Protein backbone atom coordinates (compact mmCIF):
# COMPACT_ATOMS: atom_id res chain seq x y z
CA MET A 1 114.19 84.33 87.40
CA SER A 2 113.78 88.22 87.15
CA TYR A 3 115.78 90.63 89.18
CA ASP A 4 114.48 94.46 88.68
CA PHE A 5 112.62 93.95 91.92
CA LEU A 6 116.29 95.20 93.30
CA TRP A 7 116.28 98.36 91.45
CA GLN A 8 112.68 99.13 91.97
CA ILE A 9 112.87 99.09 95.66
CA ALA A 10 116.37 100.89 95.62
CA LEU A 11 113.76 103.78 93.20
CA ILE A 12 111.48 103.61 95.45
CA LEU A 13 113.78 104.13 99.09
CA ILE A 14 115.78 106.77 97.31
CA SER A 15 112.89 108.58 96.08
CA THR A 16 110.56 108.39 98.94
CA LYS A 17 113.28 110.08 100.88
CA VAL A 18 113.96 112.49 98.30
CA PHE A 19 110.59 113.40 97.65
CA GLY A 20 109.83 113.63 101.98
CA LEU A 21 112.87 116.05 102.19
CA ILE A 22 111.63 118.49 99.94
CA THR A 23 107.94 118.31 101.30
CA ARG A 24 109.36 118.69 104.87
CA ARG A 25 111.17 121.29 103.70
CA PHE A 26 107.84 123.17 102.79
CA GLN A 27 106.61 122.42 106.53
CA MET A 28 104.23 118.94 105.75
CA PRO A 29 105.03 115.57 106.94
CA GLN A 30 107.30 113.26 105.15
CA VAL A 31 104.57 110.69 104.26
CA VAL A 32 103.26 113.42 101.62
CA GLY A 33 106.22 113.21 100.05
CA ALA A 34 106.29 109.53 99.85
CA LEU A 35 102.71 108.99 98.52
CA LEU A 36 104.10 111.66 96.14
CA ALA A 37 106.74 109.94 94.96
CA GLY A 38 104.71 106.50 94.23
CA LEU A 39 102.38 108.85 92.09
CA VAL A 40 105.15 110.50 89.99
CA LEU A 41 107.20 107.01 89.46
CA GLY A 42 104.22 104.85 89.01
CA PRO A 43 101.67 104.95 85.69
CA ALA A 44 100.18 107.83 86.49
CA VAL A 45 103.16 110.15 85.42
CA LEU A 46 106.40 108.39 84.23
CA GLY A 47 105.37 104.71 84.40
CA LEU A 48 109.25 103.97 85.81
CA LEU A 49 107.56 101.46 88.63
CA PRO A 50 104.85 98.66 87.81
CA SER A 51 101.15 98.65 89.36
CA ASP A 52 100.90 95.32 89.28
CA SER A 53 104.32 93.65 91.07
CA GLU A 54 102.83 91.21 93.40
CA MET A 55 105.92 91.04 95.66
CA ILE A 56 106.03 95.07 96.19
CA LYS A 57 102.09 94.54 97.35
CA GLN A 58 103.13 91.92 99.65
CA LEU A 59 106.03 94.32 101.17
CA ALA A 60 103.39 97.19 101.40
CA GLU A 61 101.22 94.57 103.10
CA LEU A 62 103.58 94.12 105.56
CA GLY A 63 104.59 97.69 105.88
CA VAL A 64 101.04 98.56 106.98
CA ILE A 65 101.43 95.75 109.46
CA VAL A 66 104.04 96.95 111.08
CA ILE A 67 103.15 100.40 110.95
CA MET A 68 100.08 99.73 113.07
CA PHE A 69 101.97 97.51 115.25
CA SER A 70 104.42 99.89 115.90
CA ALA A 71 101.17 102.17 116.63
CA GLY A 72 99.89 99.80 119.04
CA MET A 73 102.88 99.68 120.90
CA GLU A 74 102.72 103.43 121.20
CA THR A 75 99.36 103.16 122.76
CA ASP A 76 98.68 103.05 126.63
CA ILE A 77 95.61 100.36 126.70
CA ARG A 78 93.84 102.40 129.44
CA ASP A 79 94.45 105.65 127.09
CA LEU A 80 92.44 103.53 124.50
CA LYS A 81 89.80 102.35 127.26
CA ASN A 82 89.05 106.23 127.94
CA ALA A 83 88.62 107.24 124.64
CA GLY A 84 86.32 104.18 124.03
CA LYS A 85 82.97 106.03 124.69
CA SER A 86 84.09 109.19 122.43
CA GLY A 87 85.68 106.82 119.54
CA PHE A 88 82.33 105.06 119.85
CA LEU A 89 80.27 108.03 118.78
CA VAL A 90 82.92 109.33 116.78
CA ALA A 91 83.05 106.19 114.75
CA VAL A 92 79.28 105.96 114.25
CA LEU A 93 78.44 109.56 113.08
CA GLY A 94 81.90 108.76 111.04
CA VAL A 95 80.10 105.96 109.14
CA LEU A 96 76.22 107.25 108.86
CA VAL A 97 77.47 110.93 108.10
CA PRO A 98 79.16 109.61 104.71
CA LEU A 99 77.10 106.66 104.09
CA PHE A 100 74.01 108.98 103.11
CA GLY A 101 75.83 111.56 102.23
CA GLY A 102 77.59 109.08 99.26
CA ALA A 103 73.96 108.09 98.63
CA GLY A 104 73.00 110.90 97.93
CA LEU A 105 75.16 112.63 95.70
CA ALA A 106 75.14 108.87 93.73
CA ALA A 107 71.07 109.08 93.33
CA TRP A 108 71.39 112.84 92.32
CA LEU A 109 74.15 113.08 89.96
CA ALA A 110 74.88 108.97 88.91
CA PRO A 111 70.95 107.32 89.49
CA THR A 112 70.56 103.97 88.82
CA GLU A 113 67.92 101.57 88.87
CA ASN A 114 68.63 99.82 91.70
CA MET A 115 69.32 101.69 95.10
CA LEU A 116 71.51 99.45 96.56
CA GLN A 117 74.06 100.61 94.34
CA ASN A 118 73.81 104.16 95.21
CA PHE A 119 73.98 103.02 98.74
CA PHE A 120 77.04 101.21 97.54
CA ILE A 121 78.89 104.42 96.85
CA GLY A 122 78.00 105.38 100.30
CA THR A 123 79.68 102.56 102.06
CA VAL A 124 82.76 103.02 99.88
CA LEU A 125 83.30 106.39 101.69
CA THR A 126 82.44 104.73 105.22
CA ALA A 127 85.99 102.90 105.00
CA THR A 128 88.42 104.69 106.82
CA SER A 129 92.66 104.12 106.50
CA VAL A 130 94.24 105.60 109.29
CA SER A 131 97.79 103.98 109.25
CA ILE A 132 98.67 107.67 107.00
CA THR A 133 97.00 109.35 109.52
CA VAL A 134 98.99 107.64 112.48
CA GLU A 135 102.27 108.49 110.60
CA ALA A 136 101.62 111.97 110.35
CA LEU A 137 100.61 112.37 114.04
CA ARG A 138 103.67 110.59 114.90
CA GLU A 139 105.92 112.84 112.80
CA MET A 140 104.22 115.45 114.87
CA GLY A 141 104.35 114.04 118.00
CA CYS A 142 100.71 113.64 118.63
CA LEU A 143 99.65 110.30 118.50
CA GLN A 144 99.94 109.93 122.62
CA SER A 145 97.44 112.82 122.96
CA ARG A 146 93.98 112.32 123.88
CA VAL A 147 93.29 113.42 119.75
CA GLY A 148 95.49 110.84 118.93
CA ASN A 149 93.70 107.78 121.00
CA THR A 150 90.13 109.14 120.04
CA ILE A 151 91.07 108.57 116.26
CA LEU A 152 92.80 105.30 117.18
CA ALA A 153 90.17 103.87 119.28
CA ALA A 154 87.20 105.37 116.34
CA ALA A 155 89.41 103.92 113.19
CA ILE A 156 89.20 100.45 115.12
CA ILE A 157 85.51 100.88 115.53
CA ASP A 158 84.63 102.06 111.98
CA ASP A 159 86.68 99.15 110.70
CA ILE A 160 83.82 96.95 112.56
CA LEU A 161 81.09 99.14 111.29
CA GLY A 162 82.48 99.14 107.72
CA ILE A 163 82.29 95.44 107.95
CA ILE A 164 78.94 95.53 109.44
CA ALA A 165 77.92 97.83 106.44
CA LEU A 166 79.63 96.23 103.40
CA THR A 167 78.05 92.70 104.91
CA ILE A 168 74.64 93.80 104.85
CA MET A 169 75.29 95.70 101.25
CA THR A 170 76.20 92.64 99.78
CA SER A 171 74.00 90.13 101.56
CA MET A 172 71.01 92.38 99.86
CA GLY A 173 72.72 92.43 96.42
CA GLY A 174 72.42 88.59 96.67
CA SER A 175 76.10 87.02 97.90
CA GLY A 176 78.61 87.22 100.60
CA GLU A 177 78.01 86.00 104.32
CA SER A 178 74.76 86.69 106.55
CA VAL A 179 74.83 89.71 108.80
CA VAL A 180 74.83 87.48 112.13
CA VAL A 181 77.53 85.34 111.10
CA VAL A 182 79.73 88.91 110.92
CA LEU A 183 78.60 89.79 114.03
CA LEU A 184 79.54 86.34 115.64
CA LYS A 185 83.34 86.47 113.78
CA ILE A 186 83.42 90.53 115.03
CA ALA A 187 82.76 89.12 118.75
CA ALA A 188 84.67 85.96 118.65
CA PHE A 189 87.55 88.07 117.57
CA LEU A 190 87.37 90.99 120.07
CA VAL A 191 86.86 87.73 123.00
CA VAL A 192 90.37 86.39 121.41
CA CYS A 193 92.22 89.68 121.18
CA CYS A 194 91.55 90.31 124.89
CA LEU A 195 92.91 86.56 125.98
CA VAL A 196 95.74 87.53 124.32
CA TYR A 197 96.47 90.55 125.85
CA VAL A 198 95.68 89.24 129.37
CA VAL A 199 97.88 86.20 128.58
CA GLY A 200 100.50 87.14 126.52
CA VAL A 201 101.44 89.74 128.69
CA LYS A 202 101.88 87.62 131.93
CA VAL A 203 103.62 84.86 129.74
CA MET A 204 106.16 87.68 127.90
CA ASP A 205 106.58 89.04 131.70
CA TRP A 206 107.41 85.84 133.06
CA TYR A 207 109.60 84.60 130.23
CA ILE A 208 111.47 87.85 130.88
CA GLY A 209 111.96 87.56 134.34
CA ARG A 210 113.68 84.09 134.20
CA ALA A 211 115.89 85.20 131.92
CA LYS A 212 119.36 86.22 133.06
CA GLU A 213 120.37 87.78 129.63
CA LYS A 214 119.47 91.43 128.87
CA ASN A 215 118.45 92.91 125.86
CA LEU A 216 118.32 89.64 123.51
CA ARG A 217 117.31 89.44 120.42
CA ARG A 218 114.94 87.04 120.92
CA TYR A 219 112.12 89.19 122.16
CA PRO A 220 111.70 91.78 119.31
CA ILE A 221 111.63 88.34 117.19
CA ALA A 222 109.01 86.79 119.46
CA ALA A 223 106.96 90.14 119.27
CA PHE A 224 106.90 90.41 115.48
CA VAL A 225 105.76 86.52 115.35
CA VAL A 226 102.98 87.54 117.56
CA CYS A 227 102.32 90.49 115.01
CA LEU A 228 102.18 88.76 112.05
CA LEU A 229 100.13 85.92 113.31
CA MET A 230 97.44 87.88 114.90
CA ALA A 231 97.17 90.42 111.66
CA TRP A 232 96.82 86.89 110.22
CA VAL A 233 94.08 85.50 112.27
CA ALA A 234 91.91 88.28 112.07
CA GLU A 235 92.03 88.46 108.58
CA GLU A 236 91.69 84.67 107.77
CA PHE A 237 89.55 83.79 110.41
CA PHE A 238 87.29 86.54 111.27
CA GLY A 239 87.45 88.69 108.36
CA VAL A 240 88.45 91.91 110.85
CA ALA A 241 91.04 94.11 108.55
CA ASP A 242 94.92 92.38 109.12
CA ILE A 243 95.88 96.08 110.44
CA THR A 244 93.26 95.46 113.76
CA GLY A 245 94.72 92.44 114.62
CA ALA A 246 98.35 93.80 113.84
CA PHE A 247 97.64 96.83 116.50
CA ALA A 248 95.90 94.54 119.03
CA ALA A 249 99.01 92.53 119.25
CA GLY A 250 100.97 95.81 119.36
CA LEU A 251 98.65 97.01 121.90
CA MET A 252 99.67 94.00 124.23
CA ILE A 253 103.57 93.91 123.58
CA GLY A 254 103.39 97.87 124.85
CA ALA A 255 102.76 96.48 127.95
CA THR A 256 105.45 94.04 128.87
CA LYS A 257 108.79 94.89 130.28
CA LYS A 258 110.68 95.38 127.04
CA ALA A 259 108.44 97.26 125.15
CA GLY A 260 110.71 100.06 124.65
CA TYR A 261 113.64 97.66 123.67
CA ILE A 262 111.47 95.73 121.09
CA ALA A 263 110.10 99.26 119.66
CA SER A 264 113.66 100.24 119.32
CA LYS A 265 114.84 97.04 117.09
CA MET A 266 111.70 97.69 115.19
CA GLU A 267 111.82 101.17 114.60
CA PRO A 268 115.06 100.61 111.75
CA VAL A 269 113.09 97.82 109.86
CA GLN A 270 109.84 99.85 109.14
CA TYR A 271 111.23 103.47 108.83
CA LEU A 272 114.08 101.97 106.52
CA PHE A 273 112.44 99.74 104.37
CA LEU A 274 108.41 98.56 104.97
CA ALA A 275 106.70 101.99 105.54
CA PRO A 276 108.38 103.54 102.35
CA VAL A 277 107.32 100.93 100.30
CA PHE A 278 103.67 100.70 101.52
CA PHE A 279 103.38 104.89 101.01
CA ALA A 280 105.11 104.50 97.68
CA SER A 281 102.83 101.68 96.60
CA ILE A 282 99.62 103.69 97.10
CA GLY A 283 100.69 106.09 94.47
CA MET A 284 102.19 103.33 92.45
CA THR A 285 98.54 101.81 92.30
CA VAL A 286 96.70 104.74 90.32
CA VAL A 287 95.62 103.69 87.15
CA LEU A 288 92.83 106.53 85.75
CA PRO A 289 90.52 105.17 83.28
CA PRO A 290 89.25 107.39 80.24
CA MET A 291 86.96 110.19 81.77
CA THR A 292 83.93 112.15 80.11
CA THR A 293 83.10 115.57 81.70
CA ASP A 294 80.08 114.49 83.68
CA ILE A 295 82.30 111.96 85.21
CA ILE A 296 84.93 114.33 85.93
CA VAL A 297 82.27 116.68 87.83
CA PHE A 298 80.64 113.51 89.72
CA SER A 299 85.00 112.94 90.51
CA VAL A 300 85.10 116.29 91.80
CA LEU A 301 81.68 116.03 94.04
CA LEU A 302 82.15 113.08 95.31
CA VAL A 303 86.21 114.11 96.80
CA VAL A 304 84.16 117.51 98.43
CA VAL A 305 81.78 115.21 100.02
CA ALA A 306 83.92 112.53 100.98
CA VAL A 307 86.16 115.29 102.78
CA LEU A 308 83.63 117.07 104.38
CA SER A 309 81.41 113.92 105.44
CA LYS A 310 84.24 112.43 107.38
CA TRP A 311 85.02 115.95 108.71
CA ILE A 312 81.44 117.03 109.84
CA GLY A 313 80.56 113.56 111.06
CA CYS A 314 83.44 112.63 113.26
CA GLY A 315 84.04 116.37 114.28
CA LEU A 316 80.12 116.51 115.70
CA GLY A 317 81.36 113.19 117.32
CA ALA A 318 84.04 114.72 118.96
CA LYS A 319 81.87 117.91 119.87
CA ILE A 320 79.28 116.28 121.62
CA CYS A 321 82.33 114.76 123.86
CA GLY A 322 83.15 117.11 125.05
CA PHE A 323 86.30 118.14 123.20
CA SER A 324 87.00 121.88 122.11
CA THR A 325 86.10 122.94 118.40
CA LYS A 326 90.02 122.90 117.48
CA ASP A 327 90.40 118.81 118.70
CA CYS A 328 87.15 118.29 116.90
CA ASN A 329 88.36 119.88 113.75
CA ARG A 330 91.90 117.41 114.31
CA ILE A 331 89.81 114.29 115.09
CA GLY A 332 87.69 114.81 111.76
CA LEU A 333 90.60 115.49 109.36
CA GLY A 334 92.27 112.63 110.44
CA MET A 335 89.66 110.65 110.26
CA VAL A 336 89.18 111.79 105.83
CA CYS A 337 91.75 109.33 104.63
CA ARG A 338 90.33 106.14 102.65
CA GLY A 339 93.62 105.13 101.49
CA GLU A 340 93.91 101.22 100.21
CA VAL A 341 90.64 100.21 102.26
CA ALA A 342 88.19 102.15 99.67
CA LEU A 343 89.54 100.25 96.84
CA ILE A 344 89.32 96.38 98.54
CA VAL A 345 85.45 97.75 99.61
CA ALA A 346 84.69 98.99 95.91
CA ASN A 347 86.77 95.76 94.57
CA LYS A 348 84.18 93.69 96.64
CA GLY A 349 80.81 95.63 95.48
CA ALA A 350 82.47 95.21 91.80
CA GLU A 351 82.16 91.53 92.23
CA VAL A 352 78.53 91.63 93.24
CA GLY A 353 77.52 93.91 90.68
CA LEU A 354 76.75 96.76 93.22
CA MET A 355 79.93 99.01 92.32
CA PRO A 356 78.99 100.46 88.71
CA ASP A 357 82.43 100.62 86.01
CA ALA A 358 81.73 103.94 85.10
CA LEU A 359 82.37 105.18 88.73
CA PHE A 360 85.48 103.14 89.66
CA GLY A 361 87.46 106.15 88.47
CA PRO A 362 85.85 108.77 90.67
CA VAL A 363 86.85 106.60 93.18
CA ILE A 364 90.01 105.98 92.63
CA ILE A 365 90.34 110.12 92.02
CA MET A 366 88.86 110.04 95.69
CA VAL A 367 90.84 107.74 97.27
CA ILE A 368 94.07 109.40 95.95
CA ILE A 369 93.01 113.02 97.14
CA SER A 370 92.09 112.14 100.70
CA THR A 371 95.15 109.78 101.12
CA ILE A 372 97.72 112.60 100.40
CA VAL A 373 95.02 115.84 101.62
CA THR A 374 94.81 114.44 105.21
CA PRO A 375 98.24 114.76 106.30
CA ILE A 376 98.22 118.28 104.73
CA LEU A 377 95.28 118.93 106.80
CA LEU A 378 96.50 117.62 110.01
CA LYS A 379 99.81 119.99 109.56
CA LEU A 380 97.39 122.74 109.11
CA ALA A 381 95.17 122.34 111.92
CA TYR A 382 98.08 122.29 114.81
CA LYS A 383 99.46 125.01 112.75
CA GLY A 384 100.99 127.65 115.36
CA GLU A 385 101.52 125.01 117.98
CA SER A 386 104.82 124.67 119.16
CA GLU A 387 106.68 121.39 120.14
CA MET A 388 106.41 123.11 123.66
CA GLN A 389 102.52 123.75 123.03
CA LEU A 390 102.35 120.22 121.67
CA GLU A 391 104.04 118.78 124.74
CA GLU A 392 101.95 120.91 127.37
CA SER A 393 98.55 119.43 125.27
CA VAL A 394 99.97 115.52 126.36
CA LEU A 395 100.52 116.73 129.81
CA ASP A 396 96.98 118.24 130.25
CA ASP A 397 95.50 114.80 129.28
CA ARG A 398 97.59 112.94 131.50
CA MET A 399 96.88 115.48 134.10
CA GLU A 400 93.06 115.39 133.39
CA GLU A 401 93.03 111.72 133.50
CA LEU A 402 94.86 111.50 136.82
CA GLU A 403 92.32 114.05 138.27
CA GLN A 404 89.45 111.56 137.13
CA LEU A 405 91.91 108.73 139.17
CA ASP A 406 92.07 110.93 142.27
CA ILE A 407 87.93 111.65 142.64
CA VAL A 408 87.32 107.88 141.93
CA THR A 409 90.21 107.17 144.79
CA ASP A 410 87.98 109.50 146.93
CA GLN A 411 85.35 108.16 146.08
CA LEU A 412 86.20 104.80 146.86
CA LEU A 413 87.90 106.59 150.38
CA THR A 414 84.76 107.70 151.20
CA ARG A 415 82.84 104.76 150.95
CA GLU A 416 85.67 102.54 152.83
CA GLN A 417 84.84 104.92 155.83
CA GLU A 418 80.85 104.58 155.56
CA ILE A 419 80.87 100.73 155.46
CA ARG A 420 83.70 101.31 158.16
CA GLY A 421 80.94 103.38 160.24
CA LYS A 422 78.21 101.26 159.60
CA ASN A 423 80.30 98.14 161.31
CA ARG A 424 81.05 99.78 164.38
């Protein structure tokens, strides 16, 4: 048995912290430093850390699950419902614009006899990896804002639309499940999430109410078990991303009476160990193949299309929903990150012959750059706003929700008075 994993993890933890502090001095989110640490220490630069360590991959997967679980606990289900309509439109345009943008670029610069291969490049661009955006927004104190909730809602819907697009492409390519089966699985998963939320909140609160002891460790343990089971069920039985299941579990736990205590116990595990491993692992996976001039040109243009298509598509969706230009800009930039999701989609395409080997290098470059620039662009989008202004923005969102509730209450009271008048 090799014990190399001990010094590897130690190196990851210290390097991500050091790089994080450096980027923080330049007014950038610390997550950028963690990504750069993995890139510098991985095979792409120094080669001190391996790209094929199965244990680090599994720890990284656990890290992203915990990140999204924590994001779910910090999200009010009512805010997510309010963001549902805008999130849907943001997600739809955030899928359609990259899909056709990527397909058009591939047809122009890398044409193939099979048009499906061109559209598959567009399918790769539809992916969104929201975990890095979540961490950047949390650092800036904007995760619980209207913008943050819209990005979360859009990311969940984007995940579902991405699965459907991938299924259509692979089915037309001669492999994969039927679209009908995938849609039924997604619908079933949503039903399971609703049942877990309704039943889980009642069971947890009932158990907490019966227990005489306070602040027991059994609560965070039980919550973490729910998180892992939901992530496993989502991926294993419904074909939905495990982080979506973890986020659903977080929403449920966040609605219980012990949500604050559970979050306080999960935070050290997340920030001291799992999250740094996840962010560093993204940089560690970078192994660039030989690049020709044509491929380099295609890579540059692919990055430009990847960034602009999500930015414009999601921003346009937000604009249609009535967001200010400033918030449209933030929502669009928050959806730019592709991360590991795009690599998973590319690998699926390679298995059925839809992803040309020559274009794997450009996809990897696109993933690296979009992952690193997303938190930087988000920071620039919020530049000039003090913490006080950000808090005021969150309060404004809450006041707007309360005003809407007041309108509904007045309507109900008016209706009640009309019914009483008729009965008299």
